[in-house]
C-alpha atoms as a PDB file:
ATOM      1  CA  MET A   1       9.587  15.365  -6.430  1.00  0.00           C
ATOM      2  CA  LEU A   2      12.263  18.016  -6.558  1.00  0.00           C
ATOM      3  CA  ASP A   3      14.536  18.501  -9.551  1.00  0.00           C
ATOM      4  CA  ILE A   4      18.281  19.180  -9.678  1.00  0.00           C
ATOM      5  CA  GLU A   5      17.813  22.964  -9.489  1.00  0.00           C
ATOM      6  CA  CYS A   6      15.805  22.636  -6.269  1.00  0.00           C
ATOM      7  CA  PHE A   7      18.458  20.353  -4.800  1.00  0.00           C
ATOM      8  CA  ALA A   8      21.155  22.911  -5.707  1.00  0.00           C
ATOM      9  CA  PHE A   9      19.149  25.589  -3.887  1.00  0.00           C
ATOM     10  CA  LEU A  10      18.770  23.346  -0.832  1.00  0.00           C
ATOM     11  CA  ASN A  11      22.504  22.651  -0.781  1.00  0.00           C
ATOM     12  CA  ARG A  12      23.261  26.391  -0.796  1.00  0.00           C
ATOM     13  CA  ALA A  13      20.691  27.025   1.926  1.00  0.00           C
ATOM     14  CA  LEU A  14      22.142  24.258   4.112  1.00  0.00           C
ATOM     15  CA  GLU A  15      25.620  25.818   3.900  1.00  0.00           C
ATOM     16  CA  GLY A  16      24.471  29.154   5.314  1.00  0.00           C
ATOM     17  CA  GLU A  17      25.039  30.359   8.878  1.00  0.00           C
ATOM     18  CA  LEU A  18      21.307  30.226   9.628  1.00  0.00           C
ATOM     19  CA  ALA A  19      20.771  26.881   7.904  1.00  0.00           C
ATOM     20  CA  PRO A  20      17.206  25.582   8.063  1.00  0.00           C
ATOM     21  CA  LEU A  21      16.253  22.142   9.253  1.00  0.00           C
ATOM     22  CA  VAL A  22      14.926  20.319   6.216  1.00  0.00           C
ATOM     23  CA  VAL A  23      12.697  17.261   6.634  1.00  0.00           C
ATOM     24  CA  MET A  24      11.856  15.165   3.591  1.00  0.00           C
ATOM     25  CA  ALA A  25       9.995  11.903   3.201  1.00  0.00           C
ATOM     26  CA  SER A  26      10.553   9.439   0.404  1.00  0.00           C
ATOM     27  CA  ASN A  27       9.298   6.051  -0.622  1.00  0.00           C
ATOM     28  CA  ARG A  28      11.571   5.948  -3.643  1.00  0.00           C
ATOM     29  CA  GLY A  29      14.332   3.377  -3.940  1.00  0.00           C
ATOM     30  CA  MET A  30      16.977   3.794  -6.581  1.00  0.00           C
ATOM     31  CA  ALA A  31      15.534   6.505  -8.792  1.00  0.00           C
ATOM     32  CA  ARG A  32      16.638   9.008 -11.368  1.00  0.00           C
ATOM     33  CA  VAL A  33      17.469  12.476 -10.036  1.00  0.00           C
ATOM     34  CA  ARG A  34      15.037  14.685 -11.925  1.00  0.00           C
ATOM     35  CA  GLY A  35      16.709  16.904 -14.456  1.00  0.00           C
ATOM     36  CA  THR A  36      19.658  14.496 -14.842  1.00  0.00           C
ATOM     37  CA  ALA A  37      20.347  10.983 -16.086  1.00  0.00           C
ATOM     38  CA  THR A  38      21.880  10.028 -12.722  1.00  0.00           C
ATOM     39  CA  LEU A  39      20.433   7.110 -10.791  1.00  0.00           C
ATOM     40  CA  ALA A  40      20.727   7.615  -7.008  1.00  0.00           C
ATOM     41  CA  PRO A  41      19.175   6.392  -3.750  1.00  0.00           C
ATOM     42  CA  HIS A  42      15.830   8.150  -3.081  1.00  0.00           C
ATOM     43  CA  GLY A  43      16.380  10.217  -6.227  1.00  0.00           C
ATOM     44  CA  LEU A  44      18.697  12.578  -4.275  1.00  0.00           C
ATOM     45  CA  PRO A  45      21.990  13.893  -5.664  1.00  0.00           C
ATOM     46  CA  ALA A  46      25.094  12.410  -3.978  1.00  0.00           C
ATOM     47  CA  ASP A  47      26.222  15.752  -2.483  1.00  0.00           C
ATOM     48  CA  LEU A  48      22.853  16.195  -0.717  1.00  0.00           C
ATOM     49  CA  LEU A  49      22.631  12.521   0.237  1.00  0.00           C
ATOM     50  CA  ASP A  50      25.960  12.869   2.106  1.00  0.00           C
ATOM     51  CA  ARG A  51      24.385  15.521   4.362  1.00  0.00           C
ATOM     52  CA  VAL A  52      21.210  13.736   5.342  1.00  0.00           C
ATOM     53  CA  LEU A  53      20.290  11.697   8.368  1.00  0.00           C
ATOM     54  CA  ILE A  54      18.004   8.875   7.270  1.00  0.00           C
ATOM     55  CA  VAL A  55      15.346   7.661   9.677  1.00  0.00           C
ATOM     56  CA  THR A  56      13.689   4.409   8.701  1.00  0.00           C
ATOM     57  CA  THR A  57      10.045   3.807   9.401  1.00  0.00           C
ATOM     58  CA  ALA A  58       7.902   0.705   9.633  1.00  0.00           C
ATOM     59  CA  PRO A  59       4.152   0.133   9.495  1.00  0.00           C
ATOM     60  CA  TYR A  60       2.329   0.330  12.811  1.00  0.00           C
ATOM     61  CA  THR A  61       1.680  -2.923  14.629  1.00  0.00           C
ATOM     62  CA  PRO A  62      -1.770  -3.525  16.141  1.00  0.00           C
ATOM     63  CA  GLU A  63      -0.256  -2.804  19.576  1.00  0.00           C
ATOM     64  CA  ASP A  64       1.053   0.554  18.297  1.00  0.00           C
ATOM     65  CA  ILE A  65      -2.348   1.382  16.842  1.00  0.00           C
ATOM     66  CA  GLU A  66      -4.092   0.508  20.087  1.00  0.00           C
ATOM     67  CA  GLN A  67      -1.719   2.775  22.022  1.00  0.00           C
ATOM     68  CA  ILE A  68      -2.323   5.640  19.569  1.00  0.00           C
ATOM     69  CA  LEU A  69      -6.087   5.166  19.900  1.00  0.00           C
ATOM     70  CA  LYS A  70      -5.844   5.246  23.699  1.00  0.00           C
ATOM     71  CA  ILE A  71      -3.808   8.465  23.584  1.00  0.00           C
ATOM     72  CA  ARG A  72      -6.385  10.038  21.264  1.00  0.00           C
ATOM     73  CA  CYS A  73      -9.192   8.985  23.607  1.00  0.00           C
ATOM     74  CA  GLN A  74      -7.360  10.603  26.529  1.00  0.00           C
ATOM     75  CA  GLU A  75      -6.908  13.814  24.545  1.00  0.00           C
ATOM     76  CA  GLU A  76     -10.594  13.936  23.639  1.00  0.00           C
ATOM     77  CA  ASP A  77     -11.853  12.753  27.064  1.00  0.00           C
ATOM     78  CA  VAL A  78     -13.538   9.745  25.489  1.00  0.00           C
ATOM     79  CA  SER A  79     -13.890   6.365  27.192  1.00  0.00           C
ATOM     80  CA  LEU A  80     -14.011   3.215  25.094  1.00  0.00           C
ATOM     81  CA  THR A  81     -15.026  -0.214  26.302  1.00  0.00           C
ATOM     82  CA  ALA A  82     -12.355  -2.915  25.925  1.00  0.00           C
ATOM     83  CA  GLU A  83     -14.350  -4.544  23.142  1.00  0.00           C
ATOM     84  CA  ALA A  84     -14.745  -1.212  21.318  1.00  0.00           C
ATOM     85  CA  THR A  85     -10.983  -0.626  21.563  1.00  0.00           C
ATOM     86  CA  THR A  86     -10.331  -4.031  19.996  1.00  0.00           C
ATOM     87  CA  ILE A  87     -12.815  -3.406  17.190  1.00  0.00           C
ATOM     88  CA  LEU A  88     -11.427   0.078  16.523  1.00  0.00           C
ATOM     89  CA  THR A  89      -7.875  -1.321  16.391  1.00  0.00           C
ATOM     90  CA  THR A  90      -8.960  -3.947  13.877  1.00  0.00           C
ATOM     91  CA  MET A  91     -10.815  -1.294  11.907  1.00  0.00           C
ATOM     92  CA  ALA A  92      -7.677   0.884  11.784  1.00  0.00           C
ATOM     93  CA  THR A  93      -5.619  -1.994  10.375  1.00  0.00           C
ATOM     94  CA  GLN A  94      -8.244  -2.715   7.704  1.00  0.00           C
ATOM     95  CA  THR A  95      -8.978   0.902   6.727  1.00  0.00           C
ATOM     96  CA  THR A  96      -6.665   3.695   7.873  1.00  0.00           C
ATOM     97  CA  LEU A  97      -5.540   4.993  11.223  1.00  0.00           C
ATOM     98  CA  ARG A  98      -6.859   8.459  10.370  1.00  0.00           C
ATOM     99  CA  TYR A  99     -10.329   7.054   9.657  1.00  0.00           C
ATOM    100  CA  ALA A 100     -10.353   5.158  12.969  1.00  0.00           C
ATOM    101  CA  LEU A 101      -9.213   8.251  14.869  1.00  0.00           C
ATOM    102  CA  ASN A 102     -11.996  10.298  13.291  1.00  0.00           C
ATOM    103  CA  LEU A 103     -14.556   7.655  14.213  1.00  0.00           C
ATOM    104  CA  ILE A 104     -13.749   8.123  17.909  1.00  0.00           C
ATOM    105  CA  SER A 105     -15.363  11.555  18.109  1.00  0.00           C
ATOM    106  CA  CYS A 106     -18.286  10.489  15.891  1.00  0.00           C
ATOM    107  CA  ALA A 107     -18.957   7.438  18.066  1.00  0.00           C
ATOM    108  CA  TRP A 108     -18.665   9.617  21.175  1.00  0.00           C
ATOM    109  CA  VAL A 109     -21.442  11.893  19.910  1.00  0.00           C
ATOM    110  CA  ILE A 110     -23.604   8.829  19.235  1.00  0.00           C
ATOM    111  CA  ALA A 111     -22.835   7.455  22.722  1.00  0.00           C
ATOM    112  CA  LYS A 112     -23.727  10.800  24.350  1.00  0.00           C
ATOM    113  CA  LYS A 113     -27.059  10.734  22.559  1.00  0.00           C
ATOM    114  CA  ARG A 114     -27.689   7.351  24.186  1.00  0.00           C
ATOM    115  CA  LYS A 115     -26.765   9.035  27.504  1.00  0.00           C
ATOM    116  CA  THR A 116     -23.874   6.690  28.268  1.00  0.00           C
ATOM    117  CA  GLU A 117     -20.362   7.400  29.529  1.00  0.00           C
ATOM    118  CA  LYS A 118     -18.475   4.897  27.332  1.00  0.00           C
ATOM    119  CA  VAL A 119     -18.351   4.300  23.610  1.00  0.00           C
ATOM    120  CA  ASP A 120     -19.478   0.752  22.911  1.00  0.00           C
ATOM    121  CA  THR A 121     -19.324  -1.453  19.831  1.00  0.00           C
ATOM    122  CA  GLU A 122     -22.852  -0.426  18.804  1.00  0.00           C
ATOM    123  CA  ASP A 123     -21.765   3.239  18.727  1.00  0.00           C
ATOM    124  CA  LEU A 124     -18.813   2.321  16.519  1.00  0.00           C
ATOM    125  CA  ARG A 125     -21.074   0.302  14.209  1.00  0.00           C
ATOM    126  CA  ARG A 126     -23.420   3.247  13.771  1.00  0.00           C
ATOM    127  CA  ALA A 127     -20.550   5.666  13.130  1.00  0.00           C
ATOM    128  CA  TYR A 128     -19.059   3.172  10.664  1.00  0.00           C
ATOM    129  CA  ALA A 129     -22.394   2.983   8.862  1.00  0.00           C
ATOM    130  CA  TYR A 130     -22.741   6.785   8.704  1.00  0.00           C
ATOM    131  CA  PHE A 131     -19.210   7.626   7.541  1.00  0.00           C
ATOM    132  CA  LEU A 132     -17.454   5.848   4.689  1.00  0.00           C
ATOM    133  CA  ASP A 133     -13.775   5.035   4.583  1.00  0.00           C
ATOM    134  CA  GLU A 134     -11.843   5.428   1.341  1.00  0.00           C
ATOM    135  CA  LYS A 135     -12.416   1.911  -0.005  1.00  0.00           C
ATOM    136  CA  ARG A 136     -16.153   1.925   0.686  1.00  0.00           C
ATOM    137  CA  SER A 137     -16.434   5.410  -0.809  1.00  0.00           C
ATOM    138  CA  VAL A 138     -14.752   4.283  -4.032  1.00  0.00           C
ATOM    139  CA  GLN A 139     -17.026   1.234  -4.141  1.00  0.00           C
ATOM    140  CA  PHE A 140     -20.077   3.456  -3.644  1.00  0.00           C
ATOM    141  CA  LEU A 141     -19.018   5.708  -6.520  1.00  0.00           C
ATOM    142  CA  LYS A 142     -18.491   2.702  -8.793  1.00  0.00           C
ATOM    143  CA  GLU A 143     -21.973   1.443  -7.947  1.00  0.00           C
ATOM    144  CA  GLN A 144     -23.491   4.878  -8.571  1.00  0.00           C
ATOM    145  CA  GLN A 145     -21.533   5.523 -11.760  1.00  0.00           C
ATOM    146  CA  GLY A 146     -23.690   7.209 -14.358  1.00  0.00           C
ATOM    147  CA  SER A 147     -26.393   8.288 -11.930  1.00  0.00           C
ATOM    148  CA  LEU A 148     -24.578  11.148 -10.212  1.00  0.00           C
ATOM    149  CA  LEU A 149     -25.567  14.706 -11.053  1.00  0.00           C
ATOM    150  CA  PHE A 150     -22.143  16.035 -12.029  1.00  0.00           C
ATOM    151  CA  GLU A 151     -21.652  13.181 -14.504  1.00  0.00           C
ATOM    152  CA  ASP A 152     -24.843  14.220 -16.309  1.00  0.00           C
ATOM    153  CA  ALA A 153     -23.561  17.790 -16.508  1.00  0.00           C
ATOM    154  CA  GLU A 154     -20.253  16.611 -17.986  1.00  0.00           C
ATOM    155  CA  GLU A 155     -22.081  14.451 -20.523  1.00  0.00           C
ATOM    156  CA  LEU A 156     -24.324  17.349 -21.556  1.00  0.00           C
ATOM    157  CA  ALA A 157     -21.313  19.612 -21.947  1.00  0.00           C
ATOM    158  CA  ALA A 158     -19.488  16.987 -24.033  1.00  0.00           C
ATOM    159  CA  THR A 159     -22.468  16.421 -26.361  1.00  0.00           C
ATOM    160  CA  GLY A 160     -23.287  20.093 -26.757  1.00  0.00           C
ATOM    161  CA  GLY A 161     -26.315  20.018 -24.468  1.00  0.00           C
ATOM    162  CA  ALA A 162     -28.116  17.100 -26.067  1.00  0.00           C
ATOM    163  CA  ARG A 163     -28.330  13.619 -24.620  1.00  0.00           C
ATOM    164  CA  ARG A 164     -27.713  10.733 -26.920  1.00  0.00           C
ATOM    165  CA  PRO A 165     -30.995   8.834 -27.379  1.00  0.00           C
ATOM    166  CA  ALA A 166     -29.429   5.406 -26.749  1.00  0.00           C
ATOM    167  CA  ASP A 167     -27.997   6.584 -23.433  1.00  0.00           C
ATOM    168  CA  ALA A 168     -31.031   8.408 -22.099  1.00  0.00           C
ATOM    169  CA  GLY A 169     -32.032   6.838 -18.828  1.00  0.00           C
ATOM    170  CA  ALA A 170     -29.445   4.050 -19.171  1.00  0.00           C
ATOM    171  CA  MET A 171     -27.113   3.305 -16.319  1.00  0.00           C
ATOM    172  CA  ASP A 172     -23.505   2.248 -16.896  1.00  0.00           C
ATOM    173  CA  THR A 173     -22.747  -0.770 -14.690  1.00  0.00           C
ATOM    174  CA  SER A 174     -19.162  -1.391 -15.747  1.00  0.00           C
END
């Protein structure tokens, strides 16, 4: 987040003849303006807050997500079956919209390999199995903790190149 000196610079820049359009995003409520003891909405100084136009946002509804997915399919010239669209919409609400959008092109490649014109639920299942979303990736790393190559290198560096005898070959399952 910006501090009071950055906000002072922005204020000066916004007063100029060729003032830039500044877009900021914040999820902060009442917060301290960095570099001061002042508590203000979004952590913005009052003089800058008076100049801003605040646009509120809301999470996407499943209908919004479905519309976004359809637009993406049009842009990529991909056809989804109705059932695949429903599954992809549900997937986007449970994972992330970005992950679901990326799965469209992956599933399309799988569908083309099957020599079909539409992405079906089976294509989405295969793409889902091949590519992990954030939550499944974190879970995978927790399950593999202690057995990954870079962790061994860090351990060797920390112990001066020698493995501790009690830990050799042991796997941490915590």
